């Protein structure tokens, strides 16, 4: 399943590398928008939140949701990744 992870990280003095690394461990990942990741995983949104919540600072916000349909304005390689991972598994890539 494809999950979207979006956040609002409010601690400007903090290094969030531990959060980003944990997101990458959740499954095959896509990160083309500043505060949004898309992962292909067998985990539920609740399981991903449980894995990430302890890495947030007080006041940070996080939402994880299942993606069923999508549309928007993105480069072709971003759409290609989304289409490939909608139904099958492939290697992780960073489109950032």
C-alpha atoms as a PDB file:
ATOM      1  CA  UNK A   1       0.000   0.000   0.000  1.00  0.00           C
ATOM      2  CA  UNK A   2       1.098   3.592  -0.533  1.00  0.00           C
ATOM      3  CA  UNK A   3       1.124   5.860   2.500  1.00  0.00           C
ATOM      4  CA  UNK A   4       1.679   9.593   2.565  1.00  0.00           C
ATOM      5  CA  UNK A   5       3.604  11.042   5.492  1.00  0.00           C
ATOM      6  CA  UNK A   6       3.270  14.799   5.953  1.00  0.00           C
ATOM      7  CA  UNK A   7       4.607  16.872   8.797  1.00  0.00           C
ATOM      8  CA  UNK A   8       5.100  20.342  10.197  1.00  0.00           C
ATOM      9  CA  UNK A   9       8.411  20.343  12.079  1.00  0.00           C
ATOM     10  CA  UNK A  10       8.550  23.372  14.354  1.00  0.00           C
ATOM     11  CA  UNK A  11      11.855  23.031  16.237  1.00  0.00           C
ATOM     12  CA  UNK A  12      14.128  25.043  13.922  1.00  0.00           C
ATOM     13  CA  UNK A  13      17.211  24.360  16.091  1.00  0.00           C
ATOM     14  CA  UNK A  14      16.817  20.591  15.958  1.00  0.00           C
ATOM     15  CA  UNK A  15      18.466  18.124  13.600  1.00  0.00           C
ATOM     16  CA  UNK A  16      15.700  15.789  12.356  1.00  0.00           C
ATOM     17  CA  UNK A  17      18.000  13.302  10.622  1.00  0.00           C
ATOM     18  CA  UNK A  18      16.856  10.524  12.996  1.00  0.00           C
ATOM     19  CA  UNK A  19      13.257  11.098  11.887  1.00  0.00           C
ATOM     20  CA  UNK A  20      14.181  11.049   8.200  1.00  0.00           C
ATOM     21  CA  UNK A  21      16.163   7.835   8.608  1.00  0.00           C
ATOM     22  CA  UNK A  22      13.254   6.169  10.404  1.00  0.00           C
ATOM     23  CA  UNK A  23      10.904   7.216   7.598  1.00  0.00           C
ATOM     24  CA  UNK A  24      13.279   5.584   5.099  1.00  0.00           C
ATOM     25  CA  UNK A  25      13.196   2.355   7.152  1.00  0.00           C
ATOM     26  CA  UNK A  26       9.397   2.148   6.843  1.00  0.00           C
ATOM     27  CA  UNK A  27       9.496   0.878   3.255  1.00  0.00           C
ATOM     28  CA  UNK A  28      10.350   1.929  -0.262  1.00  0.00           C
ATOM     29  CA  UNK A  29      10.240   5.700  -0.216  1.00  0.00           C
ATOM     30  CA  UNK A  30       9.705   8.784  -2.349  1.00  0.00           C
ATOM     31  CA  UNK A  31      10.566  12.289  -1.170  1.00  0.00           C
ATOM     32  CA  UNK A  32       9.910  14.955  -3.769  1.00  0.00           C
ATOM     33  CA  UNK A  33       8.042  17.550  -1.697  1.00  0.00           C
ATOM     34  CA  UNK A  34       9.636  19.378   1.215  1.00  0.00           C
ATOM     35  CA  UNK A  35       7.394  18.112   4.031  1.00  0.00           C
ATOM     36  CA  UNK A  36       5.921  15.021   2.391  1.00  0.00           C
ATOM     37  CA  UNK A  37       7.151  11.468   1.922  1.00  0.00           C
ATOM     38  CA  UNK A  38       5.377   8.627   0.184  1.00  0.00           C
ATOM     39  CA  UNK A  39       6.243   5.099   1.200  1.00  0.00           C
ATOM     40  CA  UNK A  40       5.305   1.700  -0.123  1.00  0.00           C
ATOM     41  CA  UNK A  41       4.850  -0.549   2.888  1.00  0.00           C
ATOM     42  CA  UNK A  42       2.806  -3.341   4.426  1.00  0.00           C
ATOM     43  CA  UNK A  43       2.409  -1.275   7.604  1.00  0.00           C
ATOM     44  CA  UNK A  44      -0.773   0.527   8.571  1.00  0.00           C
ATOM     45  CA  UNK A  45      -0.816   4.304   9.032  1.00  0.00           C
ATOM     46  CA  UNK A  46      -1.095   3.727  12.815  1.00  0.00           C
ATOM     47  CA  UNK A  47       2.014   1.513  12.844  1.00  0.00           C
ATOM     48  CA  UNK A  48       4.017   4.176  10.998  1.00  0.00           C
ATOM     49  CA  UNK A  49       2.818   6.902  13.385  1.00  0.00           C
ATOM     50  CA  UNK A  50       3.837   4.707  16.325  1.00  0.00           C
ATOM     51  CA  UNK A  51       7.319   4.292  14.822  1.00  0.00           C
ATOM     52  CA  UNK A  52       7.795   8.018  14.161  1.00  0.00           C
ATOM     53  CA  UNK A  53       6.029   9.731  17.056  1.00  0.00           C
ATOM     54  CA  UNK A  54       8.858   9.383  19.573  1.00  0.00           C
ATOM     55  CA  UNK A  55      11.200  11.182  17.145  1.00  0.00           C
ATOM     56  CA  UNK A  56       9.090  14.348  17.032  1.00  0.00           C
ATOM     57  CA  UNK A  57       9.642  17.447  19.132  1.00  0.00           C
ATOM     58  CA  UNK A  58       6.919  19.019  21.229  1.00  0.00           C
ATOM     59  CA  UNK A  59       4.642  20.987  18.944  1.00  0.00           C
ATOM     60  CA  UNK A  60       5.539  19.054  15.762  1.00  0.00           C
ATOM     61  CA  UNK A  61       2.637  17.767  13.692  1.00  0.00           C
ATOM     62  CA  UNK A  62       2.389  14.520  11.709  1.00  0.00           C
ATOM     63  CA  UNK A  63      -0.232  12.818   9.572  1.00  0.00           C
ATOM     64  CA  UNK A  64       0.026   9.449   7.833  1.00  0.00           C
ATOM     65  CA  UNK A  65      -2.675   8.474   5.356  1.00  0.00           C
ATOM     66  CA  UNK A  66      -3.272   5.778   2.773  1.00  0.00           C
ATOM     67  CA  UNK A  67      -3.159   6.943  -0.848  1.00  0.00           C
ATOM     68  CA  UNK A  68      -5.882   5.513  -3.058  1.00  0.00           C
ATOM     69  CA  UNK A  69      -5.889   8.082  -5.888  1.00  0.00           C
ATOM     70  CA  UNK A  70      -3.635  11.005  -6.659  1.00  0.00           C
ATOM     71  CA  UNK A  71      -3.191  13.948  -8.978  1.00  0.00           C
ATOM     72  CA  UNK A  72      -1.137  17.101  -8.957  1.00  0.00           C
ATOM     73  CA  UNK A  73       1.718  18.992 -10.586  1.00  0.00           C
ATOM     74  CA  UNK A  74       4.964  17.016 -10.399  1.00  0.00           C
ATOM     75  CA  UNK A  75       7.836  16.115 -12.729  1.00  0.00           C
ATOM     76  CA  UNK A  76       7.382  13.054 -14.932  1.00  0.00           C
ATOM     77  CA  UNK A  77       9.851  10.956 -12.904  1.00  0.00           C
ATOM     78  CA  UNK A  78       7.730  11.534  -9.788  1.00  0.00           C
ATOM     79  CA  UNK A  79       4.592  10.279 -11.567  1.00  0.00           C
ATOM     80  CA  UNK A  80       6.518   7.291 -12.902  1.00  0.00           C
ATOM     81  CA  UNK A  81       7.563   6.305  -9.375  1.00  0.00           C
ATOM     82  CA  UNK A  82       4.028   6.649  -8.060  1.00  0.00           C
ATOM     83  CA  UNK A  83       2.558   4.574 -10.869  1.00  0.00           C
ATOM     84  CA  UNK A  84       5.211   1.858 -10.494  1.00  0.00           C
ATOM     85  CA  UNK A  85       4.658   1.575  -6.743  1.00  0.00           C
ATOM     86  CA  UNK A  86       0.887   1.812  -6.800  1.00  0.00           C
ATOM     87  CA  UNK A  87       0.558  -1.901  -7.521  1.00  0.00           C
ATOM     88  CA  UNK A  88       3.992  -3.514  -7.304  1.00  0.00           C
ATOM     89  CA  UNK A  89       7.276  -3.229  -5.418  1.00  0.00           C
ATOM     90  CA  UNK A  90      10.535  -1.757  -6.749  1.00  0.00           C
ATOM     91  CA  UNK A  91      13.748  -0.294  -5.376  1.00  0.00           C
ATOM     92  CA  UNK A  92      13.773   2.861  -3.235  1.00  0.00           C
ATOM     93  CA  UNK A  93      14.822   6.054  -4.922  1.00  0.00           C
ATOM     94  CA  UNK A  94      15.147   9.653  -3.811  1.00  0.00           C
ATOM     95  CA  UNK A  95      13.614  12.072  -6.280  1.00  0.00           C
ATOM     96  CA  UNK A  96      14.651  15.120  -4.268  1.00  0.00           C
END
